[in-house]
Amino acid sequence: MSAHICGDESLSAHERYRALYALLEGRDREMSAAFDDFRRSTAELCLGLMRRQGIVTDEEMREFSPEVQHATDLD
């Protein structure tokens, strides 16, 4: 995505900068949601977000109980 923005010559340099900044800001919010609230009450939510971002693999998920695996299913 960032390479696409950088290579888009239909945009001015400033427009590309703003688009990249918005992309990074959005990704920062996603990472923050996954990593900044470690409590038992939010553990499954955080783990699910990590799965959606590809940070936690299916193989790693098999280490968790079936209940946790089900709660964080991507389907």
PDB file of N, CA and C in Angstrom:
ATOM      1  N   MET A   1       0.813  -1.183   0.000  1.00  0.00           N
ATOM      2  CA  MET A   1       0.000   0.000   0.000  1.00  0.00           C
ATOM      3  C   MET A   1       0.864   1.257   0.000  1.00  0.00           C
ATOM      4  N   SER A   2       1.878   1.301   0.851  1.00  0.00           N
ATOM      5  CA  SER A   2       2.720   2.493   0.916  1.00  0.00           C
ATOM      6  C   SER A   2       3.482   2.704  -0.393  1.00  0.00           C
ATOM      7  N   ALA A   3       3.920   1.615  -1.023  1.00  0.00           N
ATOM      8  CA  ALA A   3       4.623   1.737  -2.301  1.00  0.00           C
ATOM      9  C   ALA A   3       3.686   2.298  -3.361  1.00  0.00           C
ATOM     10  N   HIS A   4       2.426   1.903  -3.311  1.00  0.00           N
ATOM     11  CA  HIS A   4       1.436   2.416  -4.253  1.00  0.00           C
ATOM     12  C   HIS A   4       1.272   3.928  -4.070  1.00  0.00           C
ATOM     13  N   ILE A   5       1.185   4.357  -2.833  1.00  0.00           N
ATOM     14  CA  ILE A   5       1.031   5.788  -2.548  1.00  0.00           C
ATOM     15  C   ILE A   5       2.271   6.550  -3.022  1.00  0.00           C
ATOM     16  N   CYS A   6       3.434   6.039  -2.690  1.00  0.00           N
ATOM     17  CA  CYS A   6       4.686   6.715  -3.067  1.00  0.00           C
ATOM     18  C   CYS A   6       4.850   6.818  -4.581  1.00  0.00           C
ATOM     19  N   GLY A   7       4.377   5.821  -5.288  1.00  0.00           N
ATOM     20  CA  GLY A   7       4.536   5.802  -6.735  1.00  0.00           C
ATOM     21  C   GLY A   7       3.430   6.495  -7.504  1.00  0.00           C
ATOM     22  N   ASP A   8       2.430   7.012  -6.819  1.00  0.00           N
ATOM     23  CA  ASP A   8       1.286   7.650  -7.476  1.00  0.00           C
ATOM     24  C   ASP A   8       1.654   9.077  -7.893  1.00  0.00           C
ATOM     25  N   GLU A   9       2.111   9.216  -9.134  1.00  0.00           N
ATOM     26  CA  GLU A   9       2.547  10.522  -9.615  1.00  0.00           C
ATOM     27  C   GLU A   9       1.398  11.452  -9.952  1.00  0.00           C
ATOM     28  N   SER A  10       0.159  10.964  -9.837  1.00  0.00           N
ATOM     29  CA  SER A  10      -0.979  11.856 -10.040  1.00  0.00           C
ATOM     30  C   SER A  10      -1.198  12.744  -8.813  1.00  0.00           C
ATOM     31  N   LEU A  11      -0.519  12.397  -7.713  1.00  0.00           N
ATOM     32  CA  LEU A  11      -0.603  13.184  -6.492  1.00  0.00           C
ATOM     33  C   LEU A  11       0.646  14.043  -6.338  1.00  0.00           C
ATOM     34  N   SER A  12       0.477  15.191  -5.731  1.00  0.00           N
ATOM     35  CA  SER A  12       1.642  16.029  -5.431  1.00  0.00           C
ATOM     36  C   SER A  12       2.439  15.380  -4.305  1.00  0.00           C
ATOM     37  N   ALA A  13       3.650  15.841  -4.109  1.00  0.00           N
ATOM     38  CA  ALA A  13       4.480  15.304  -3.025  1.00  0.00           C
ATOM     39  C   ALA A  13       3.778  15.492  -1.685  1.00  0.00           C
ATOM     40  N   HIS A  14       3.144  16.632  -1.504  1.00  0.00           N
ATOM     41  CA  HIS A  14       2.451  16.892  -0.242  1.00  0.00           C
ATOM     42  C   HIS A  14       1.243  15.972  -0.074  1.00  0.00           C
ATOM     43  N   GLU A  15       0.511  15.716  -1.140  1.00  0.00           N
ATOM     44  CA  GLU A  15      -0.633  14.798  -1.072  1.00  0.00           C
ATOM     45  C   GLU A  15      -0.172  13.378  -0.754  1.00  0.00           C
ATOM     46  N   ARG A  16       0.957  12.956  -1.331  1.00  0.00           N
ATOM     47  CA  ARG A  16       1.501  11.630  -1.012  1.00  0.00           C
ATOM     48  C   ARG A  16       1.910  11.563   0.452  1.00  0.00           C
ATOM     49  N   TYR A  17       2.541  12.626   0.927  1.00  0.00           N
ATOM     50  CA  TYR A  17       2.929  12.679   2.338  1.00  0.00           C
ATOM     51  C   TYR A  17       1.701  12.536   3.234  1.00  0.00           C
ATOM     52  N   ARG A  18       0.644  13.285   2.932  1.00  0.00           N
ATOM     53  CA  ARG A  18      -0.575  13.233   3.753  1.00  0.00           C
ATOM     54  C   ARG A  18      -1.218  11.854   3.697  1.00  0.00           C
ATOM     55  N   ALA A  19      -1.205  11.220   2.529  1.00  0.00           N
ATOM     56  CA  ALA A  19      -1.781   9.880   2.393  1.00  0.00           C
ATOM     57  C   ALA A  19      -0.960   8.863   3.192  1.00  0.00           C
ATOM     58  N   LEU A  20       0.358   8.967   3.131  1.00  0.00           N
ATOM     59  CA  LEU A  20       1.213   8.074   3.918  1.00  0.00           C
ATOM     60  C   LEU A  20       1.021   8.293   5.408  1.00  0.00           C
ATOM     61  N   TYR A  21       0.907   9.551   5.791  1.00  0.00           N
ATOM     62  CA  TYR A  21       0.694   9.874   7.201  1.00  0.00           C
ATOM     63  C   TYR A  21      -0.618   9.268   7.690  1.00  0.00           C
ATOM     64  N   ALA A  22      -1.673   9.381   6.888  1.00  0.00           N
ATOM     65  CA  ALA A  22      -2.974   8.810   7.257  1.00  0.00           C
ATOM     66  C   ALA A  22      -2.894   7.287   7.348  1.00  0.00           C
ATOM     67  N   LEU A  23      -2.170   6.667   6.425  1.00  0.00           N
ATOM     68  CA  LEU A  23      -1.982   5.215   6.453  1.00  0.00           C
ATOM     69  C   LEU A  23      -1.280   4.792   7.737  1.00  0.00           C
ATOM     70  N   LEU A  24      -0.188   5.461   8.067  1.00  0.00           N
ATOM     71  CA  LEU A  24       0.562   5.136   9.280  1.00  0.00           C
ATOM     72  C   LEU A  24      -0.267   5.382  10.542  1.00  0.00           C
ATOM     73  N   GLU A  25      -1.020   6.451  10.543  1.00  0.00           N
ATOM     74  CA  GLU A  25      -1.874   6.757  11.690  1.00  0.00           C
ATOM     75  C   GLU A  25      -2.921   5.656  11.894  1.00  0.00           C
ATOM     76  N   GLY A  26      -3.511   5.183  10.806  1.00  0.00           N
ATOM     77  CA  GLY A  26      -4.492   4.098  10.893  1.00  0.00           C
ATOM     78  C   GLY A  26      -3.872   2.810  11.383  1.00  0.00           C
ATOM     79  N   ARG A  27      -2.709   2.488  10.858  1.00  0.00           N
ATOM     80  CA  ARG A  27      -2.025   1.265  11.297  1.00  0.00           C
ATOM     81  C   ARG A  27      -1.584   1.364  12.745  1.00  0.00           C
ATOM     82  N   ASP A  28      -1.217   2.564  13.172  1.00  0.00           N
ATOM     83  CA  ASP A  28      -0.846   2.770  14.571  1.00  0.00           C
ATOM     84  C   ASP A  28      -2.049   2.518  15.481  1.00  0.00           C
ATOM     85  N   ARG A  29      -3.232   2.963  15.057  1.00  0.00           N
ATOM     86  CA  ARG A  29      -4.450   2.707  15.851  1.00  0.00           C
ATOM     87  C   ARG A  29      -4.725   1.209  15.943  1.00  0.00           C
ATOM     88  N   GLU A  30      -4.535   0.485  14.826  1.00  0.00           N
ATOM     89  CA  GLU A  30      -4.747  -0.965  14.827  1.00  0.00           C
ATOM     90  C   GLU A  30      -3.782  -1.660  15.790  1.00  0.00           C
ATOM     91  N   MET A  31      -2.528  -1.274  15.738  1.00  0.00           N
ATOM     92  CA  MET A  31      -1.525  -1.879  16.625  1.00  0.00           C
ATOM     93  C   MET A  31      -1.813  -1.528  18.077  1.00  0.00           C
ATOM     94  N   SER A  32      -2.221  -0.316  18.307  1.00  0.00           N
ATOM     95  CA  SER A  32      -2.544   0.111  19.665  1.00  0.00           C
ATOM     96  C   SER A  32      -3.698  -0.708  20.224  1.00  0.00           C
ATOM     97  N   ALA A  33      -4.715  -0.939  19.411  1.00  0.00           N
ATOM     98  CA  ALA A  33      -5.868  -1.724  19.865  1.00  0.00           C
ATOM     99  C   ALA A  33      -5.453  -3.146  20.220  1.00  0.00           C
ATOM    100  N   ALA A  34      -4.490  -3.694  19.491  1.00  0.00           N
ATOM    101  CA  ALA A  34      -4.058  -5.073  19.727  1.00  0.00           C
ATOM    102  C   ALA A  34      -3.103  -5.212  20.905  1.00  0.00           C
ATOM    103  N   PHE A  35      -2.322  -4.178  21.195  1.00  0.00           N
ATOM    104  CA  PHE A  35      -1.247  -4.340  22.174  1.00  0.00           C
ATOM    105  C   PHE A  35      -1.329  -3.469  23.425  1.00  0.00           C
ATOM    106  N   ASP A  36      -2.174  -2.464  23.445  1.00  0.00           N
ATOM    107  CA  ASP A  36      -2.112  -1.500  24.545  1.00  0.00           C
ATOM    108  C   ASP A  36      -3.098  -1.732  25.682  1.00  0.00           C
ATOM    109  N   ASP A  37      -3.802  -2.847  25.689  1.00  0.00           N
ATOM    110  CA  ASP A  37      -4.807  -3.051  26.738  1.00  0.00           C
ATOM    111  C   ASP A  37      -4.806  -4.497  27.217  1.00  0.00           C
ATOM    112  N   PHE A  38      -3.696  -4.922  27.815  1.00  0.00           N
ATOM    113  CA  PHE A  38      -3.588  -6.296  28.271  1.00  0.00           C
ATOM    114  C   PHE A  38      -4.245  -6.462  29.641  1.00  0.00           C
ATOM    115  N   ARG A  39      -5.453  -6.993  29.604  1.00  0.00           N
ATOM    116  CA  ARG A  39      -6.188  -7.379  30.813  1.00  0.00           C
ATOM    117  C   ARG A  39      -6.899  -8.681  30.483  1.00  0.00           C
ATOM    118  N   ARG A  40      -7.256  -9.408  31.490  1.00  0.00           N
ATOM    119  CA  ARG A  40      -7.988 -10.663  31.235  1.00  0.00           C
ATOM    120  C   ARG A  40      -9.269 -10.405  30.456  1.00  0.00           C
ATOM    121  N   SER A  41      -9.926  -9.308  30.769  1.00  0.00           N
ATOM    122  CA  SER A  41     -11.213  -9.024  30.122  1.00  0.00           C
ATOM    123  C   SER A  41     -11.072  -8.670  28.642  1.00  0.00           C
ATOM    124  N   THR A  42      -9.890  -8.281  28.205  1.00  0.00           N
ATOM    125  CA  THR A  42      -9.699  -7.914  26.801  1.00  0.00           C
ATOM    126  C   THR A  42      -8.746  -8.859  26.061  1.00  0.00           C
ATOM    127  N   ALA A  43      -8.287  -9.896  26.721  1.00  0.00           N
ATOM    128  CA  ALA A  43      -7.275 -10.783  26.136  1.00  0.00           C
ATOM    129  C   ALA A  43      -7.744 -11.413  24.820  1.00  0.00           C
ATOM    130  N   GLU A  44      -8.963 -11.948  24.791  1.00  0.00           N
ATOM    131  CA  GLU A  44      -9.442 -12.587  23.568  1.00  0.00           C
ATOM    132  C   GLU A  44      -9.604 -11.571  22.441  1.00  0.00           C
ATOM    133  N   LEU A  45     -10.075 -10.387  22.768  1.00  0.00           N
ATOM    134  CA  LEU A  45     -10.218  -9.337  21.762  1.00  0.00           C
ATOM    135  C   LEU A  45      -8.849  -8.975  21.182  1.00  0.00           C
ATOM    136  N   CYS A  46      -7.866  -8.753  22.049  1.00  0.00           N
ATOM    137  CA  CYS A  46      -6.512  -8.413  21.594  1.00  0.00           C
ATOM    138  C   CYS A  46      -5.923  -9.532  20.753  1.00  0.00           C
ATOM    139  N   LEU A  47      -6.100 -10.752  21.179  1.00  0.00           N
ATOM    140  CA  LEU A  47      -5.581 -11.904  20.436  1.00  0.00           C
ATOM    141  C   LEU A  47      -6.251 -12.001  19.065  1.00  0.00           C
ATOM    142  N   GLY A  48      -7.548 -11.767  19.018  1.00  0.00           N
ATOM    143  CA  GLY A  48      -8.261 -11.771  17.741  1.00  0.00           C
ATOM    144  C   GLY A  48      -7.750 -10.691  16.798  1.00  0.00           C
ATOM    145  N   LEU A  49      -7.478  -9.508  17.331  1.00  0.00           N
ATOM    146  CA  LEU A  49      -6.927  -8.429  16.512  1.00  0.00           C
ATOM    147  C   LEU A  49      -5.544  -8.793  15.992  1.00  0.00           C
ATOM    148  N   MET A  50      -4.756  -9.438  16.836  1.00  0.00           N
ATOM    149  CA  MET A  50      -3.423  -9.881  16.410  1.00  0.00           C
ATOM    150  C   MET A  50      -3.520 -10.911  15.296  1.00  0.00           C
ATOM    151  N   ARG A  51      -4.506 -11.795  15.386  1.00  0.00           N
ATOM    152  CA  ARG A  51      -4.710 -12.795  14.318  1.00  0.00           C
ATOM    153  C   ARG A  51      -5.083 -12.108  13.019  1.00  0.00           C
ATOM    154  N   ARG A  52      -5.988 -11.150  13.093  1.00  0.00           N
ATOM    155  CA  ARG A  52      -6.429 -10.449  11.886  1.00  0.00           C
ATOM    156  C   ARG A  52      -5.288  -9.689  11.223  1.00  0.00           C
ATOM    157  N   GLN A  53      -4.347  -9.223  12.024  1.00  0.00           N
ATOM    158  CA  GLN A  53      -3.200  -8.492  11.485  1.00  0.00           C
ATOM    159  C   GLN A  53      -2.079  -9.420  11.036  1.00  0.00           C
ATOM    160  N   GLY A  54      -2.251 -10.726  11.262  1.00  0.00           N
ATOM    161  CA  GLY A  54      -1.244 -11.693  10.842  1.00  0.00           C
ATOM    162  C   GLY A  54      -0.054 -11.780  11.783  1.00  0.00           C
ATOM    163  N   ILE A  55      -0.200 -11.251  12.991  1.00  0.00           N
ATOM    164  CA  ILE A  55       0.889 -11.259  13.966  1.00  0.00           C
ATOM    165  C   ILE A  55       0.971 -12.611  14.662  1.00  0.00           C
ATOM    166  N   VAL A  56      -0.184 -13.241  14.881  1.00  0.00           N
ATOM    167  CA  VAL A  56      -0.262 -14.555  15.511  1.00  0.00           C
ATOM    168  C   VAL A  56      -0.712 -15.551  14.447  1.00  0.00           C
ATOM    169  N   THR A  57       0.038 -16.619  14.288  1.00  0.00           N
ATOM    170  CA  THR A  57      -0.257 -17.611  13.254  1.00  0.00           C
ATOM    171  C   THR A  57      -1.249 -18.665  13.750  1.00  0.00           C
ATOM    172  N   ASP A  58      -1.785 -19.434  12.822  1.00  0.00           N
ATOM    173  CA  ASP A  58      -2.674 -20.542  13.186  1.00  0.00           C
ATOM    174  C   ASP A  58      -1.942 -21.559  14.047  1.00  0.00           C
ATOM    175  N   GLU A  59      -0.680 -21.806  13.717  1.00  0.00           N
ATOM    176  CA  GLU A  59       0.118 -22.742  14.504  1.00  0.00           C
ATOM    177  C   GLU A  59       0.243 -22.259  15.954  1.00  0.00           C
ATOM    178  N   GLU A  60       0.489 -20.991  16.137  1.00  0.00           N
ATOM    179  CA  GLU A  60       0.590 -20.441  17.492  1.00  0.00           C
ATOM    180  C   GLU A  60      -0.753 -20.508  18.216  1.00  0.00           C
ATOM    181  N   MET A  61      -1.829 -20.356  17.480  1.00  0.00           N
ATOM    182  CA  MET A  61      -3.165 -20.409  18.089  1.00  0.00           C
ATOM    183  C   MET A  61      -3.477 -21.787  18.640  1.00  0.00           C
ATOM    184  N   ARG A  62      -2.893 -22.824  18.052  1.00  0.00           N
ATOM    185  CA  ARG A  62      -3.149 -24.181  18.533  1.00  0.00           C
ATOM    186  C   ARG A  62      -2.636 -24.396  19.952  1.00  0.00           C
ATOM    187  N   GLU A  63      -1.818 -23.492  20.453  1.00  0.00           N
ATOM    188  CA  GLU A  63      -1.318 -23.567  21.827  1.00  0.00           C
ATOM    189  C   GLU A  63      -2.398 -23.156  22.841  1.00  0.00           C
ATOM    190  N   PHE A  64      -3.437 -22.490  22.363  1.00  0.00           N
ATOM    191  CA  PHE A  64      -4.510 -22.014  23.234  1.00  0.00           C
ATOM    192  C   PHE A  64      -5.634 -23.049  23.323  1.00  0.00           C
ATOM    193  N   SER A  65      -6.469 -22.886  24.312  1.00  0.00           N
ATOM    194  CA  SER A  65      -7.594 -23.800  24.496  1.00  0.00           C
ATOM    195  C   SER A  65      -8.564 -23.685  23.319  1.00  0.00           C
ATOM    196  N   PRO A  66      -9.369 -24.718  23.088  1.00  0.00           N
ATOM    197  CA  PRO A  66     -10.376 -24.652  22.016  1.00  0.00           C
ATOM    198  C   PRO A  66     -11.327 -23.457  22.180  1.00  0.00           C
ATOM    199  N   GLU A  67     -11.640 -23.109  23.414  1.00  0.00           N
ATOM    200  CA  GLU A  67     -12.541 -21.970  23.661  1.00  0.00           C
ATOM    201  C   GLU A  67     -11.927 -20.664  23.158  1.00  0.00           C
ATOM    202  N   VAL A  68     -10.654 -20.470  23.453  1.00  0.00           N
ATOM    203  CA  VAL A  68      -9.974 -19.250  23.004  1.00  0.00           C
ATOM    204  C   VAL A  68      -9.840 -19.263  21.489  1.00  0.00           C
ATOM    205  N   GLN A  69      -9.510 -20.409  20.927  1.00  0.00           N
ATOM    206  CA  GLN A  69      -9.395 -20.514  19.465  1.00  0.00           C
ATOM    207  C   GLN A  69     -10.716 -20.156  18.805  1.00  0.00           C
ATOM    208  N   HIS A  70     -11.810 -20.659  19.354  1.00  0.00           N
ATOM    209  CA  HIS A  70     -13.130 -20.363  18.797  1.00  0.00           C
ATOM    210  C   HIS A  70     -13.472 -18.877  18.938  1.00  0.00           C
ATOM    211  N   ALA A  71     -13.167 -18.309  20.080  1.00  0.00           N
ATOM    212  CA  ALA A  71     -13.498 -16.907  20.353  1.00  0.00           C
ATOM    213  C   ALA A  71     -12.730 -15.952  19.421  1.00  0.00           C
ATOM    214  N   THR A  72     -11.572 -16.384  18.934  1.00  0.00           N
ATOM    215  CA  THR A  72     -10.758 -15.521  18.081  1.00  0.00           C
ATOM    216  C   THR A  72     -10.765 -15.971  16.631  1.00  0.00           C
ATOM    217  N   ASP A  73     -11.700 -16.844  16.256  1.00  0.00           N
ATOM    218  CA  ASP A  73     -11.797 -17.345  14.884  1.00  0.00           C
ATOM    219  C   ASP A  73     -11.942 -16.187  13.910  1.00  0.00           C
ATOM    220  N   LEU A  74     -11.275 -16.325  12.784  1.00  0.00           N
ATOM    221  CA  LEU A  74     -11.326 -15.295  11.744  1.00  0.00           C
ATOM    222  C   LEU A  74     -12.557 -15.458  10.859  1.00  0.00           C
ATOM    223  N   ASP A  75     -13.193 -16.587  10.890  1.00  0.00           N
ATOM    224  CA  ASP A  75     -14.360 -16.832  10.013  1.00  0.00           C
ATOM    225  C   ASP A  75     -15.596 -16.151  10.501  1.00  0.00           C
TER     226      ASP A  75
END
